[in-house]
Amino acid sequence: TGSSTAGAEGASAERILNSFAKLDEWDFDVFTLEKDSHGDALMLTTSALLFKYGLVKHFNLDQTILVNFLQAIQSAYHPNPYHNSTHAADVLQITHYIIEPGGLKQVLNMTPCDCLASLLAAAIHDYDHPGFNNNFHIRTSAWLAVLYNDRSVLENHHLASLFDLVRNPRFNIFA
């Protein structure tokens, strides 16, 4: 029924907020967040951190475009056993932990641009990962290996794919 659905959604929202209460801690539980958010851990964690750091305001990021961008990033992660959106959310949160609670921001005197670049790099580091490693692509002469001349095949693919995404104004948070 509608009221039980609303109650379940409210309970889920409460669990998500409880997860984010540990965002600054080493033992942040990305797996519980992934479950409670029905697969949106990467999108929610990225959004939470961009707001936490004041980067949305600082860079005057359009919130509609930001949501489009974050949804596109999350949806481009395939359901691989490891290189998936949950892994990306975990890497993102640990990157944050090192930057803020760990003190890297102060030690390096990181600018807002440095923080934005670091957080986005963590979020997209395995963007559109096909589930096979560089060695597999190279040894099988896969299309990506040929395209990138056997050099950092997946790393080039992740970034080139992201650059292709932001060419579309609907996703270009940098415009």
Protein backbone atom coordinates (compact mmCIF):
# COMPACT_ATOMS: atom_id res chain seq x y z
CA THR A 1 0.00 0.00 0.00
CA GLY A 2 1.02 3.62 -0.41
CA SER A 3 1.49 4.28 3.30
CA SER A 4 3.71 1.23 3.80
CA THR A 5 5.78 2.25 0.76
CA ALA A 6 6.17 5.75 2.19
CA GLY A 7 7.17 4.24 5.53
CA ALA A 8 9.75 2.01 3.86
CA GLU A 9 11.13 4.96 1.91
CA GLY A 10 11.31 7.01 5.10
CA ALA A 11 13.16 4.22 6.89
CA SER A 12 15.53 3.89 3.94
CA ALA A 13 16.14 7.65 3.92
CA GLU A 14 16.88 7.52 7.64
CA ARG A 15 19.40 4.69 7.12
CA ILE A 16 21.04 6.69 4.32
CA LEU A 17 21.39 9.71 6.60
CA ASN A 18 22.83 7.44 9.31
CA SER A 19 25.39 6.15 6.79
CA PHE A 20 26.45 9.69 5.93
CA ALA A 21 26.97 10.44 9.61
CA LYS A 22 30.15 8.33 9.23
CA LEU A 23 31.30 10.00 5.98
CA ASP A 24 34.40 11.38 7.73
CA GLU A 25 35.33 8.03 9.27
CA TRP A 26 37.58 5.23 8.04
CA ASP A 27 34.86 2.63 8.64
CA PHE A 28 32.22 4.31 6.45
CA ASP A 29 30.04 1.41 5.25
CA VAL A 30 29.60 1.86 1.50
CA PHE A 31 27.94 -1.55 1.15
CA THR A 32 25.11 -0.65 3.52
CA LEU A 33 24.71 2.69 1.75
CA GLU A 34 24.59 0.89 -1.61
CA LYS A 35 21.86 -1.41 -0.31
CA ASP A 36 19.83 1.28 1.45
CA SER A 37 20.03 3.66 -1.53
CA HIS A 38 19.04 0.93 -4.00
CA GLY A 39 22.27 1.22 -5.94
CA ASP A 40 22.84 4.98 -5.74
CA ALA A 41 25.85 5.06 -3.38
CA LEU A 42 28.20 6.64 -5.92
CA MET A 43 25.78 9.36 -6.95
CA LEU A 44 24.80 10.19 -3.36
CA THR A 45 28.36 10.12 -2.00
CA THR A 46 29.68 12.31 -4.80
CA SER A 47 26.87 14.79 -4.34
CA ALA A 48 27.28 14.84 -0.56
CA LEU A 49 31.00 15.51 -0.85
CA LEU A 50 30.67 18.21 -3.50
CA PHE A 51 28.24 20.03 -1.20
CA LYS A 52 30.29 19.30 1.95
CA TYR A 53 33.37 20.88 0.37
CA GLY A 54 31.33 23.87 -0.84
CA LEU A 55 32.31 23.07 -4.42
CA VAL A 56 28.80 23.32 -5.89
CA LYS A 57 28.57 26.89 -4.63
CA HIS A 58 32.22 27.80 -5.29
CA PHE A 59 32.07 26.70 -8.94
CA ASN A 60 28.41 27.70 -9.36
CA LEU A 61 27.56 24.20 -10.61
CA ASP A 62 24.10 23.98 -12.14
CA GLN A 63 22.28 21.44 -9.97
CA THR A 64 20.21 19.95 -12.80
CA ILE A 65 23.33 19.38 -14.89
CA LEU A 66 25.14 18.05 -11.83
CA VAL A 67 22.41 15.47 -11.19
CA ASN A 68 22.46 14.48 -14.88
CA PHE A 69 26.25 14.13 -14.71
CA LEU A 70 26.22 12.07 -11.53
CA GLN A 71 23.48 9.77 -12.82
CA ALA A 72 25.41 9.26 -16.06
CA ILE A 73 28.63 8.51 -14.16
CA GLN A 74 26.92 5.96 -11.95
CA SER A 75 25.05 4.29 -14.81
CA ALA A 76 28.25 3.87 -16.85
CA TYR A 77 29.68 1.57 -14.20
CA HIS A 78 28.87 -1.99 -15.22
CA PRO A 79 27.83 -4.72 -12.75
CA ASN A 80 31.36 -6.14 -12.67
CA PRO A 81 32.34 -8.11 -9.57
CA TYR A 82 34.86 -5.44 -8.55
CA HIS A 83 35.13 -2.43 -10.87
CA ASN A 84 31.57 -1.26 -10.23
CA SER A 85 29.87 1.83 -8.83
CA THR A 86 30.09 0.55 -5.24
CA HIS A 87 33.87 0.28 -5.62
CA ALA A 88 33.94 3.82 -7.05
CA ALA A 89 31.92 5.14 -4.09
CA ASP A 90 34.34 3.41 -1.72
CA VAL A 91 37.39 4.89 -3.46
CA LEU A 92 35.70 8.31 -3.44
CA GLN A 93 34.98 8.19 0.30
CA ILE A 94 38.54 7.06 1.09
CA THR A 95 39.88 9.85 -1.11
CA HIS A 96 37.79 12.28 0.95
CA TYR A 97 39.04 10.67 4.16
CA ILE A 98 42.64 11.25 3.10
CA ILE A 99 41.98 14.84 1.94
CA GLU A 100 39.94 16.17 4.87
CA PRO A 101 40.05 14.06 8.06
CA GLY A 102 43.52 12.79 7.11
CA GLY A 103 44.80 16.34 6.70
CA LEU A 104 46.13 16.25 3.12
CA LYS A 105 44.17 19.38 2.23
CA GLN A 106 46.02 21.39 4.86
CA VAL A 107 49.44 19.83 4.24
CA LEU A 108 49.27 20.52 0.49
CA ASN A 109 47.23 23.72 0.84
CA MET A 110 44.73 22.26 -1.63
CA THR A 111 42.58 24.73 -3.53
CA PRO A 112 38.90 24.16 -4.33
CA CYS A 113 40.01 23.19 -7.86
CA ASP A 114 42.40 20.58 -6.40
CA CYS A 115 39.60 19.15 -4.24
CA LEU A 116 37.13 19.05 -7.14
CA ALA A 117 39.68 17.34 -9.38
CA SER A 118 40.57 14.79 -6.69
CA LEU A 119 36.99 13.90 -5.81
CA LEU A 120 35.87 13.64 -9.44
CA ALA A 121 38.95 11.58 -10.33
CA ALA A 122 38.02 9.13 -7.58
CA ALA A 123 34.39 8.97 -8.74
CA ILE A 124 35.27 8.33 -12.38
CA HIS A 125 38.47 6.32 -12.01
CA ASP A 126 36.88 3.13 -13.47
CA TYR A 127 34.19 4.81 -15.60
CA ASP A 128 32.80 2.36 -18.19
CA HIS A 129 35.16 -0.41 -17.04
CA PRO A 130 34.42 -3.47 -19.21
CA GLY A 131 35.52 -5.97 -16.55
CA PHE A 132 38.79 -7.12 -18.11
CA ASN A 133 42.25 -5.81 -17.29
CA ASN A 134 44.72 -4.07 -19.60
CA ASN A 135 46.73 -7.24 -20.13
CA PHE A 136 43.66 -9.10 -21.39
CA HIS A 137 42.84 -6.31 -23.85
CA ILE A 138 46.41 -6.18 -25.13
CA ARG A 139 46.89 -9.96 -25.46
CA THR A 140 43.58 -10.40 -27.30
CA SER A 141 44.17 -7.34 -29.52
CA ALA A 142 40.86 -5.99 -28.32
CA TRP A 143 39.49 -2.86 -29.93
CA LEU A 144 40.39 -0.68 -26.92
CA ALA A 145 44.00 -1.93 -26.96
CA VAL A 146 44.34 -1.11 -30.64
CA LEU A 147 42.66 2.27 -30.15
CA TYR A 148 45.07 3.24 -27.36
CA ASN A 149 48.15 1.56 -28.87
CA ASP A 150 48.49 -0.88 -25.93
CA ARG A 151 49.30 2.02 -23.57
CA SER A 152 47.31 2.41 -20.36
CA VAL A 153 44.34 1.05 -22.28
CA LEU A 154 41.66 1.26 -19.62
CA GLU A 155 42.96 4.46 -18.05
CA ASN A 156 42.79 6.18 -21.44
CA HIS A 157 39.34 4.69 -22.03
CA HIS A 158 37.92 5.87 -18.68
CA LEU A 159 39.01 9.45 -19.24
CA ALA A 160 38.25 9.64 -22.96
CA SER A 161 34.75 8.28 -22.29
CA LEU A 162 34.20 10.91 -19.62
CA PHE A 163 35.41 13.67 -21.94
CA ASP A 164 32.96 12.38 -24.53
CA LEU A 165 30.16 12.54 -21.95
CA VAL A 166 30.81 16.16 -20.98
CA ARG A 167 30.80 17.25 -24.61
CA ASN A 168 27.02 17.02 -24.24
CA PRO A 169 25.68 20.18 -22.55
CA ARG A 170 23.23 18.08 -20.46
CA PHE A 171 26.21 16.57 -18.60
CA ASN A 172 28.88 19.28 -18.82
CA ILE A 173 29.33 20.44 -15.24
CA PHE A 174 32.43 22.38 -16.38
CA ALA A 175 30.56 24.75 -18.74
